[in-house]
PDB file of N, CA and C in Angstrom:
ATOM      1  N   MET A   1     113.766 107.768  97.863  1.00  0.00           N
ATOM      2  CA  MET A   1     112.808 108.758  97.385  1.00  0.00           C
ATOM      3  C   MET A   1     111.401 108.178  97.542  1.00  0.00           C
ATOM      4  N   PRO A   2     110.398 109.013  97.868  1.00  0.00           N
ATOM      5  CA  PRO A   2     109.038 108.517  98.038  1.00  0.00           C
ATOM      6  C   PRO A   2     108.513 107.870  96.757  1.00  0.00           C
ATOM      7  N   LYS A   3     107.615 106.925  96.932  1.00  0.00           N
ATOM      8  CA  LYS A   3     107.010 106.251  95.788  1.00  0.00           C
ATOM      9  C   LYS A   3     106.047 107.187  95.078  1.00  0.00           C
ATOM     10  N   LYS A   4     106.021 107.086  93.753  1.00  0.00           N
ATOM     11  CA  LYS A   4     105.186 107.965  92.937  1.00  0.00           C
ATOM     12  C   LYS A   4     103.700 107.662  93.093  1.00  0.00           C
ATOM     13  N   ASN A   5     103.326 106.397  93.175  1.00  0.00           N
ATOM     14  CA  ASN A   5     101.916 106.038  93.190  1.00  0.00           C
ATOM     15  C   ASN A   5     101.348 106.061  94.610  1.00  0.00           C
ATOM     16  N   ASN A   6     101.212 107.242  95.151  1.00  0.00           N
ATOM     17  CA  ASN A   6     100.618 107.442  96.456  1.00  0.00           C
ATOM     18  C   ASN A   6      99.108 107.354  96.296  1.00  0.00           C
ATOM     19  N   ARG A   7      98.424 106.701  97.190  1.00  0.00           N
ATOM     20  CA  ARG A   7      96.990 106.463  97.045  1.00  0.00           C
ATOM     21  C   ARG A   7      96.150 107.719  97.183  1.00  0.00           C
ATOM     22  N   MET A   8      96.496 108.592  98.071  1.00  0.00           N
ATOM     23  CA  MET A   8      95.715 109.805  98.298  1.00  0.00           C
ATOM     24  C   MET A   8      96.192 110.912  97.366  1.00  0.00           C
ATOM     25  N   PRO A   9      95.260 111.552  96.666  1.00  0.00           N
ATOM     26  CA  PRO A   9      95.672 112.680  95.821  1.00  0.00           C
ATOM     27  C   PRO A   9      96.083 113.860  96.701  1.00  0.00           C
ATOM     28  N   PRO A  10      96.944 114.724  96.200  1.00  0.00           N
ATOM     29  CA  PRO A  10      97.332 115.901  96.980  1.00  0.00           C
ATOM     30  C   PRO A  10      96.107 116.769  97.269  1.00  0.00           C
ATOM     31  N   VAL A  11      96.066 117.336  98.463  1.00  0.00           N
ATOM     32  CA  VAL A  11      94.959 118.209  98.847  1.00  0.00           C
ATOM     33  C   VAL A  11      95.493 119.633  98.948  1.00  0.00           C
ATOM     34  N   HIS A  12      94.945 120.513  98.125  1.00  0.00           N
ATOM     35  CA  HIS A  12      95.361 121.915  98.110  1.00  0.00           C
ATOM     36  C   HIS A  12      94.897 122.596  99.401  1.00  0.00           C
ATOM     37  N   PRO A  13      95.708 123.497  99.961  1.00  0.00           N
ATOM     38  CA  PRO A  13      95.297 124.219 101.169  1.00  0.00           C
ATOM     39  C   PRO A  13      93.954 124.936 101.009  1.00  0.00           C
ATOM     40  N   GLY A  14      93.655 125.365  99.790  1.00  0.00           N
ATOM     41  CA  GLY A  14      92.370 126.020  99.549  1.00  0.00           C
ATOM     42  C   GLY A  14      91.193 125.101  99.796  1.00  0.00           C
ATOM     43  N   GLU A  15      91.365 123.815  99.481  1.00  0.00           N
ATOM     44  CA  GLU A  15      90.297 122.847  99.745  1.00  0.00           C
ATOM     45  C   GLU A  15      90.112 122.664 101.245  1.00  0.00           C
ATOM     46  N   ILE A  16      91.200 122.623 101.979  1.00  0.00           N
ATOM     47  CA  ILE A  16      91.121 122.512 103.439  1.00  0.00           C
ATOM     48  C   ILE A  16      90.449 123.751 104.014  1.00  0.00           C
ATOM     49  N   LEU A  17      90.840 124.913 103.525  1.00  0.00           N
ATOM     50  CA  LEU A  17      90.215 126.161 103.955  1.00  0.00           C
ATOM     51  C   LEU A  17      88.706 126.119 103.703  1.00  0.00           C
ATOM     52  N   ARG A  18      88.324 125.730 102.502  1.00  0.00           N
ATOM     53  CA  ARG A  18      86.906 125.707 102.119  1.00  0.00           C
ATOM     54  C   ARG A  18      86.114 124.679 102.927  1.00  0.00           C
ATOM     55  N   GLU A  19      86.610 123.441 102.958  1.00  0.00           N
ATOM     56  CA  GLU A  19      85.839 122.346 103.550  1.00  0.00           C
ATOM     57  C   GLU A  19      85.876 122.316 105.077  1.00  0.00           C
ATOM     58  N   ASP A  20      87.029 122.642 105.659  1.00  0.00           N
ATOM     59  CA  ASP A  20      87.185 122.512 107.110  1.00  0.00           C
ATOM     60  C   ASP A  20      86.907 123.792 107.887  1.00  0.00           C
ATOM     61  N   LEU A  21      86.941 124.927 107.219  1.00  0.00           N
ATOM     62  CA  LEU A  21      86.732 126.190 107.930  1.00  0.00           C
ATOM     63  C   LEU A  21      85.573 127.007 107.364  1.00  0.00           C
ATOM     64  N   MET A  22      85.617 127.289 106.085  1.00  0.00           N
ATOM     65  CA  MET A  22      84.592 128.164 105.516  1.00  0.00           C
ATOM     66  C   MET A  22      83.193 127.554 105.593  1.00  0.00           C
ATOM     67  N   LYS A  23      83.044 126.326 105.129  1.00  0.00           N
ATOM     68  CA  LYS A  23      81.715 125.697 105.136  1.00  0.00           C
ATOM     69  C   LYS A  23      81.154 125.550 106.550  1.00  0.00           C
ATOM     70  N   PRO A  24      81.914 124.948 107.481  1.00  0.00           N
ATOM     71  CA  PRO A  24      81.354 124.794 108.831  1.00  0.00           C
ATOM     72  C   PRO A  24      81.028 126.124 109.517  1.00  0.00           C
ATOM     73  N   LEU A  25      81.797 127.163 109.201  1.00  0.00           N
ATOM     74  CA  LEU A  25      81.573 128.468 109.835  1.00  0.00           C
ATOM     75  C   LEU A  25      80.625 129.356 109.037  1.00  0.00           C
ATOM     76  N   GLY A  26      80.150 128.861 107.907  1.00  0.00           N
ATOM     77  CA  GLY A  26      79.220 129.631 107.085  1.00  0.00           C
ATOM     78  C   GLY A  26      79.847 130.853 106.435  1.00  0.00           C
ATOM     79  N   LEU A  27      81.135 130.759 106.108  1.00  0.00           N
ATOM     80  CA  LEU A  27      81.838 131.883 105.491  1.00  0.00           C
ATOM     81  C   LEU A  27      81.755 131.800 103.969  1.00  0.00           C
ATOM     82  N   THR A  28      81.524 132.919 103.332  1.00  0.00           N
ATOM     83  CA  THR A  28      81.538 132.985 101.872  1.00  0.00           C
ATOM     84  C   THR A  28      82.904 133.475 101.409  1.00  0.00           C
ATOM     85  N   MET A  29      83.189 133.259 100.130  1.00  0.00           N
ATOM     86  CA  MET A  29      84.448 133.772  99.580  1.00  0.00           C
ATOM     87  C   MET A  29      84.488 135.287  99.676  1.00  0.00           C
ATOM     88  N   ASN A  30      83.389 135.924  99.316  1.00  0.00           N
ATOM     89  CA  ASN A  30      83.342 137.388  99.384  1.00  0.00           C
ATOM     90  C   ASN A  30      83.538 137.875 100.811  1.00  0.00           C
ATOM     91  N   GLY A  31      82.861 137.238 101.747  1.00  0.00           N
ATOM     92  CA  GLY A  31      82.971 137.650 103.144  1.00  0.00           C
ATOM     93  C   GLY A  31      84.367 137.455 103.698  1.00  0.00           C
ATOM     94  N   LEU A  32      84.975 136.303 103.405  1.00  0.00           N
ATOM     95  CA  LEU A  32      86.320 136.048 103.913  1.00  0.00           C
ATOM     96  C   LEU A  32      87.332 136.970 103.246  1.00  0.00           C
ATOM     97  N   ALA A  33      87.186 137.186 101.953  1.00  0.00           N
ATOM     98  CA  ALA A  33      88.082 138.118 101.254  1.00  0.00           C
ATOM     99  C   ALA A  33      87.996 139.505 101.882  1.00  0.00           C
ATOM    100  N   ARG A  34      86.796 139.917 102.191  1.00  0.00           N
ATOM    101  CA  ARG A  34      86.598 141.230 102.821  1.00  0.00           C
ATOM    102  C   ARG A  34      87.283 141.279 104.192  1.00  0.00           C
ATOM    103  N   GLU A  35      87.114 140.223 104.992  1.00  0.00           N
ATOM    104  CA  GLU A  35      87.733 140.172 106.324  1.00  0.00           C
ATOM    105  C   GLU A  35      89.260 140.151 106.240  1.00  0.00           C
ATOM    106  N   LEU A  36      89.787 139.464 105.242  1.00  0.00           N
ATOM    107  CA  LEU A  36      91.245 139.352 105.095  1.00  0.00           C
ATOM    108  C   LEU A  36      91.860 140.534 104.356  1.00  0.00           C
ATOM    109  N   LYS A  37      90.994 141.381 103.785  1.00  0.00           N
ATOM    110  CA  LYS A  37      91.452 142.551 103.010  1.00  0.00           C
ATOM    111  C   LYS A  37      92.271 142.122 101.795  1.00  0.00           C
ATOM    112  N   ILE A  38      91.739 141.125 101.079  1.00  0.00           N
ATOM    113  CA  ILE A  38      92.356 140.688  99.828  1.00  0.00           C
ATOM    114  C   ILE A  38      91.292 140.703  98.735  1.00  0.00           C
ATOM    115  N   PRO A  39      91.699 140.801  97.469  1.00  0.00           N
ATOM    116  CA  PRO A  39      90.720 140.784  96.379  1.00  0.00           C
ATOM    117  C   PRO A  39      89.956 139.452  96.326  1.00  0.00           C
ATOM    118  N   VAL A  40      88.699 139.528  95.967  1.00  0.00           N
ATOM    119  CA  VAL A  40      87.857 138.335  95.883  1.00  0.00           C
ATOM    120  C   VAL A  40      88.429 137.334  94.880  1.00  0.00           C
ATOM    121  N   ASN A  41      88.972 137.813  93.759  1.00  0.00           N
ATOM    122  CA  ASN A  41      89.520 136.871  92.773  1.00  0.00           C
ATOM    123  C   ASN A  41      90.717 136.106  93.346  1.00  0.00           C
ATOM    124  N   ARG A  42      91.519 136.738  94.188  1.00  0.00           N
ATOM    125  CA  ARG A  42      92.639 136.040  94.839  1.00  0.00           C
ATOM    126  C   ARG A  42      92.101 134.967  95.784  1.00  0.00           C
ATOM    127  N   MET A  43      91.075 135.315  96.568  1.00  0.00           N
ATOM    128  CA  MET A  43      90.465 134.356  97.487  1.00  0.00           C
ATOM    129  C   MET A  43      89.886 133.178  96.711  1.00  0.00           C
ATOM    130  N   SER A  44      89.197 133.476  95.621  1.00  0.00           N
ATOM    131  CA  SER A  44      88.591 132.438  94.788  1.00  0.00           C
ATOM    132  C   SER A  44      89.650 131.500  94.214  1.00  0.00           C
ATOM    133  N   GLU A  45      90.743 132.049  93.743  1.00  0.00           N
ATOM    134  CA  GLU A  45      91.814 131.225  93.175  1.00  0.00           C
ATOM    135  C   GLU A  45      92.434 130.317  94.230  1.00  0.00           C
ATOM    136  N   ILE A  46      92.614 130.820  95.444  1.00  0.00           N
ATOM    137  CA  ILE A  46      93.161 129.999  96.533  1.00  0.00           C
ATOM    138  C   ILE A  46      92.175 128.888  96.883  1.00  0.00           C
ATOM    139  N   VAL A  47      90.927 129.265  97.140  1.00  0.00           N
ATOM    140  CA  VAL A  47      89.909 128.305  97.570  1.00  0.00           C
ATOM    141  C   VAL A  47      89.665 127.226  96.517  1.00  0.00           C
ATOM    142  N   ASN A  48      89.792 127.580  95.260  1.00  0.00           N
ATOM    143  CA  ASN A  48      89.556 126.620  94.182  1.00  0.00           C
ATOM    144  C   ASN A  48      90.827 125.927  93.690  1.00  0.00           C
ATOM    145  N   GLY A  49      91.937 126.104  94.417  1.00  0.00           N
ATOM    146  CA  GLY A  49      93.164 125.376  94.117  1.00  0.00           C
ATOM    147  C   GLY A  49      93.908 125.834  92.882  1.00  0.00           C
ATOM    148  N   ARG A  50      93.635 127.047  92.438  1.00  0.00           N
ATOM    149  CA  ARG A  50      94.315 127.565  91.243  1.00  0.00           C
ATOM    150  C   ARG A  50      95.452 128.524  91.594  1.00  0.00           C
ATOM    151  N   ARG A  51      95.654 128.776  92.867  1.00  0.00           N
ATOM    152  CA  ARG A  51      96.707 129.702  93.302  1.00  0.00           C
ATOM    153  C   ARG A  51      97.336 129.150  94.574  1.00  0.00           C
ATOM    154  N   ALA A  52      98.644 129.222  94.630  1.00  0.00           N
ATOM    155  CA  ALA A  52      99.350 128.798  95.838  1.00  0.00           C
ATOM    156  C   ALA A  52      99.079 129.787  96.962  1.00  0.00           C
ATOM    157  N   LEU A  53      99.107 129.272  98.151  1.00  0.00           N
ATOM    158  CA  LEU A  53      98.917 130.097  99.333  1.00  0.00           C
ATOM    159  C   LEU A  53     100.294 130.649  99.726  1.00  0.00           C
ATOM    160  N   ASN A  54     100.489 131.962  99.606  1.00  0.00           N
ATOM    161  CA  ASN A  54     101.800 132.556  99.890  1.00  0.00           C
ATOM    162  C   ASN A  54     101.884 133.040 101.339  1.00  0.00           C
ATOM    163  N   ALA A  55     103.028 133.604 101.703  1.00  0.00           N
ATOM    164  CA  ALA A  55     103.263 134.039 103.081  1.00  0.00           C
ATOM    165  C   ALA A  55     102.276 135.120 103.515  1.00  0.00           C
ATOM    166  N   ASP A  56     101.937 136.033 102.614  1.00  0.00           N
ATOM    167  CA  ASP A  56     100.974 137.082 102.947  1.00  0.00           C
ATOM    168  C   ASP A  56      99.617 136.476 103.302  1.00  0.00           C
ATOM    169  N   ALA A  57      99.150 135.554 102.479  1.00  0.00           N
ATOM    170  CA  ALA A  57      97.869 134.895 102.750  1.00  0.00           C
ATOM    171  C   ALA A  57      97.942 134.087 104.041  1.00  0.00           C
ATOM    172  N   ALA A  58      99.072 133.419 104.279  1.00  0.00           N
ATOM    173  CA  ALA A  58      99.241 132.638 105.504  1.00  0.00           C
ATOM    174  C   ALA A  58      99.149 133.527 106.738  1.00  0.00           C
ATOM    175  N   LEU A  59      99.766 134.699 106.684  1.00  0.00           N
ATOM    176  CA  LEU A  59      99.687 135.632 107.814  1.00  0.00           C
ATOM    177  C   LEU A  59      98.259 136.110 108.039  1.00  0.00           C
ATOM    178  N   ARG A  60      97.565 136.427 106.968  1.00  0.00           N
ATOM    179  CA  ARG A  60      96.184 136.916 107.077  1.00  0.00           C
ATOM    180  C   ARG A  60      95.252 135.824 107.610  1.00  0.00           C
ATOM    181  N   LEU A  61      95.384 134.622 107.062  1.00  0.00           N
ATOM    182  CA  LEU A  61      94.538 133.520 107.521  1.00  0.00           C
ATOM    183  C   LEU A  61      94.818 133.164 108.979  1.00  0.00           C
ATOM    184  N   SER A  62      96.082 133.141 109.357  1.00  0.00           N
ATOM    185  CA  SER A  62      96.421 132.796 110.741  1.00  0.00           C
ATOM    186  C   SER A  62      95.910 133.852 111.714  1.00  0.00           C
ATOM    187  N   ARG A  63      95.988 135.091 111.331  1.00  0.00           N
ATOM    188  CA  ARG A  63      95.463 136.175 112.171  1.00  0.00           C
ATOM    189  C   ARG A  63      93.951 136.028 112.340  1.00  0.00           C
ATOM    190  N   TYR A  64      93.263 135.758 111.253  1.00  0.00           N
ATOM    191  CA  TYR A  64      91.801 135.661 111.280  1.00  0.00           C
ATOM    192  C   TYR A  64      91.321 134.418 112.038  1.00  0.00           C
ATOM    193  N   PHE A  65      91.929 133.259 111.755  1.00  0.00           N
ATOM    194  CA  PHE A  65      91.455 132.008 112.344  1.00  0.00           C
ATOM    195  C   PHE A  65      92.127 131.652 113.666  1.00  0.00           C
ATOM    196  N   GLY A  66      93.157 132.394 114.064  1.00  0.00           N
ATOM    197  CA  GLY A  66      93.794 132.155 115.352  1.00  0.00           C
ATOM    198  C   GLY A  66      94.740 130.962 115.368  1.00  0.00           C
ATOM    199  N   ASN A  67      95.274 130.620 114.207  1.00  0.00           N
ATOM    200  CA  ASN A  67      96.296 129.577 114.185  1.00  0.00           C
ATOM    201  C   ASN A  67      97.613 130.218 113.748  1.00  0.00           C
ATOM    202  N   THR A  68      98.567 129.429 113.297  1.00  0.00           N
ATOM    203  CA  THR A  68      99.876 129.992 112.960  1.00  0.00           C
ATOM    204  C   THR A  68     100.059 130.101 111.448  1.00  0.00           C
ATOM    205  N   PRO A  69     100.894 131.045 111.010  1.00  0.00           N
ATOM    206  CA  PRO A  69     101.203 131.104 109.583  1.00  0.00           C
ATOM    207  C   PRO A  69     101.903 129.825 109.115  1.00  0.00           C
ATOM    208  N   GLU A  70     102.670 129.212 110.005  1.00  0.00           N
ATOM    209  CA  GLU A  70     103.365 127.972 109.657  1.00  0.00           C
ATOM    210  C   GLU A  70     102.372 126.855 109.299  1.00  0.00           C
ATOM    211  N   PHE A  71     101.222 126.842 109.959  1.00  0.00           N
ATOM    212  CA  PHE A  71     100.189 125.858 109.633  1.00  0.00           C
ATOM    213  C   PHE A  71      99.847 125.939 108.150  1.00  0.00           C
ATOM    214  N   TRP A  72      99.588 127.152 107.674  1.00  0.00           N
ATOM    215  CA  TRP A  72      99.189 127.358 106.284  1.00  0.00           C
ATOM    216  C   TRP A  72     100.349 127.115 105.318  1.00  0.00           C
ATOM    217  N   ILE A  73     101.531 127.599 105.667  1.00  0.00           N
ATOM    218  CA  ILE A  73     102.713 127.403 104.814  1.00  0.00           C
ATOM    219  C   ILE A  73     103.056 125.914 104.712  1.00  0.00           C
ATOM    220  N   ASN A  74     102.939 125.190 105.827  1.00  0.00           N
ATOM    221  CA  ASN A  74     103.219 123.753 105.805  1.00  0.00           C
ATOM    222  C   ASN A  74     102.209 122.990 104.950  1.00  0.00           C
ATOM    223  N   LEU A  75     100.936 123.406 104.988  1.00  0.00           N
ATOM    224  CA  LEU A  75      99.943 122.787 104.105  1.00  0.00           C
ATOM    225  C   LEU A  75     100.338 122.980 102.647  1.00  0.00           C
ATOM    226  N   GLN A  76     100.765 124.205 102.307  1.00  0.00           N
ATOM    227  CA  GLN A  76     101.150 124.491 100.922  1.00  0.00           C
ATOM    228  C   GLN A  76     102.396 123.705 100.537  1.00  0.00           C
ATOM    229  N   ALA A  77     103.384 123.656 101.439  1.00  0.00           N
ATOM    230  CA  ALA A  77     104.622 122.920 101.146  1.00  0.00           C
ATOM    231  C   ALA A  77     104.339 121.429 100.955  1.00  0.00           C
ATOM    232  N   ALA A  78     103.486 120.859 101.799  1.00  0.00           N
ATOM    233  CA  ALA A  78     103.133 119.443 101.671  1.00  0.00           C
ATOM    234  C   ALA A  78     102.415 119.186 100.350  1.00  0.00           C
ATOM    235  N   TYR A  79     101.520 120.088  99.976  1.00  0.00           N
ATOM    236  CA  TYR A  79     100.812 119.960  98.702  1.00  0.00           C
ATOM    237  C   TYR A  79     101.797 120.025  97.534  1.00  0.00           C
ATOM    238  N   ASP A  80     102.667 121.022  97.554  1.00  0.00           N
ATOM    239  CA  ASP A  80     103.647 121.187  96.473  1.00  0.00           C
ATOM    240  C   ASP A  80     104.537 119.954  96.338  1.00  0.00           C
ATOM    241  N   LEU A  81     104.977 119.415  97.465  1.00  0.00           N
ATOM    242  CA  LEU A  81     105.835 118.231  97.436  1.00  0.00           C
ATOM    243  C   LEU A  81     105.091 117.034  96.864  1.00  0.00           C
ATOM    244  N   ARG A  82     103.846 116.819  97.299  1.00  0.00           N
ATOM    245  CA  ARG A  82     103.054 115.691  96.784  1.00  0.00           C
ATOM    246  C   ARG A  82     102.843 115.811  95.275  1.00  0.00           C
ATOM    247  N   VAL A  83     102.550 117.012  94.806  1.00  0.00           N
ATOM    248  CA  VAL A  83     102.349 117.225  93.369  1.00  0.00           C
ATOM    249  C   VAL A  83     103.641 116.922  92.611  1.00  0.00           C
ATOM    250  N   THR A  84     104.765 117.389  93.140  1.00  0.00           N
ATOM    251  CA  THR A  84     106.050 117.171  92.478  1.00  0.00           C
ATOM    252  C   THR A  84     106.445 115.699  92.504  1.00  0.00           C
ATOM    253  N   ILE A  85     106.198 115.028  93.615  1.00  0.00           N
ATOM    254  CA  ILE A  85     106.472 113.590  93.680  1.00  0.00           C
ATOM    255  C   ILE A  85     105.656 112.875  92.610  1.00  0.00           C
ATOM    256  N   HIS A  86     104.405 113.221  92.511  1.00  0.00           N
ATOM    257  CA  HIS A  86     103.526 112.584  91.528  1.00  0.00           C
ATOM    258  C   HIS A  86     103.997 112.842  90.097  1.00  0.00           C
ATOM    259  N   SER A  87     104.430 114.065  89.837  1.00  0.00           N
ATOM    260  CA  SER A  87     104.767 114.422  88.457  1.00  0.00           C
ATOM    261  C   SER A  87     106.221 114.158  88.077  1.00  0.00           C
ATOM    262  N   SER A  88     107.135 114.132  89.045  1.00  0.00           N
ATOM    263  CA  SER A  88     108.558 114.124  88.686  1.00  0.00           C
ATOM    264  C   SER A  88     109.421 113.079  89.369  1.00  0.00           C
ATOM    265  N   ALA A  89     108.903 112.346  90.338  1.00  0.00           N
ATOM    266  CA  ALA A  89     109.754 111.446  91.121  1.00  0.00           C
ATOM    267  C   ALA A  89     110.463 110.408  90.257  1.00  0.00           C
ATOM    268  N   SER A  90     109.744 109.793  89.336  1.00  0.00           N
ATOM    269  CA  SER A  90     110.368 108.755  88.496  1.00  0.00           C
ATOM    270  C   SER A  90     111.496 109.327  87.654  1.00  0.00           C
ATOM    271  N   ARG A  91     111.265 110.483  87.069  1.00  0.00           N
ATOM    272  CA  ARG A  91     112.286 111.120  86.234  1.00  0.00           C
ATOM    273  C   ARG A  91     113.508 111.482  87.076  1.00  0.00           C
ATOM    274  N   ILE A  92     113.283 112.026  88.259  1.00  0.00           N
ATOM    275  CA  ILE A  92     114.396 112.421  89.133  1.00  0.00           C
ATOM    276  C   ILE A  92     115.185 111.187  89.568  1.00  0.00           C
ATOM    277  N   GLU A  93     114.482 110.090  89.863  1.00  0.00           N
ATOM    278  CA  GLU A  93     115.182 108.854  90.234  1.00  0.00           C
ATOM    279  C   GLU A  93     116.083 108.364  89.102  1.00  0.00           C
ATOM    280  N   ARG A  94     115.654 108.541  87.866  1.00  0.00           N
ATOM    281  CA  ARG A  94     116.481 108.140  86.715  1.00  0.00           C
ATOM    282  C   ARG A  94     117.658 109.094  86.516  1.00  0.00           C
ATOM    283  N   GLU A  95     117.454 110.370  86.743  1.00  0.00           N
ATOM    284  CA  GLU A  95     118.470 111.384  86.444  1.00  0.00           C
ATOM    285  C   GLU A  95     119.518 111.567  87.535  1.00  0.00           C
ATOM    286  N   VAL A  96     119.138 111.391  88.792  1.00  0.00           N
ATOM    287  CA  VAL A  96     120.034 111.726  89.905  1.00  0.00           C
ATOM    288  C   VAL A  96     120.438 110.456  90.643  1.00  0.00           C
ATOM    289  N   ARG A  97     121.749 110.249  90.718  1.00  0.00           N
ATOM    290  CA  ARG A  97     122.274 109.101  91.456  1.00  0.00           C
ATOM    291  C   ARG A  97     122.587 109.518  92.887  1.00  0.00           C
ATOM    292  N   PRO A  98     122.260 108.656  93.862  1.00  0.00           N
ATOM    293  CA  PRO A  98     122.599 108.978  95.248  1.00  0.00           C
ATOM    294  C   PRO A  98     124.118 109.067  95.426  1.00  0.00           C
ATOM    295  N   ARG A  99     124.550 109.935  96.289  1.00  0.00           N
ATOM    296  CA  ARG A  99     125.970 110.087  96.602  1.00  0.00           C
ATOM    297  C   ARG A  99     126.442 108.842  97.330  1.00  0.00           C
ATOM    298  N   LYS A 100     127.608 108.341  96.934  1.00  0.00           N
ATOM    299  CA  LYS A 100     128.170 107.162  97.594  1.00  0.00           C
ATOM    300  C   LYS A 100     128.889 107.584  98.864  1.00  0.00           C
ATOM    301  N   ALA A 101     128.776 106.746  99.876  1.00  0.00           N
ATOM    302  CA  ALA A 101     129.435 107.029 101.148  1.00  0.00           C
ATOM    303  C   ALA A 101     130.949 107.027 100.960  1.00  0.00           C
ATOM    304  N   ALA A 102     131.627 107.868 101.721  1.00  0.00           N
ATOM    305  CA  ALA A 102     133.085 107.986 101.600  1.00  0.00           C
ATOM    306  C   ALA A 102     133.797 106.836 102.248  1.00  0.00           C
TER     307      ALA A 102
END
């Protein structure tokens, strides 16, 4: 099982969206929400790391930015896994024994 004390904190897909795409392209939350046809509060929650990026958002973002929905879903899955490793890995290691080979 991965080690709990990973040096890099998990990065939410919303932070990647904000820092790597929105800022360099001069996009605002309101403007991007309008382009994606989603409520501004949903966009704000994603960008500020308070909401997971779901399949609908992944499809909309991939359509707008010209990448794949899998790119966005994989960012979210990696974030979720890192958060869970950080919060639960030690407990799971204590609770679950590896299966012995036959």
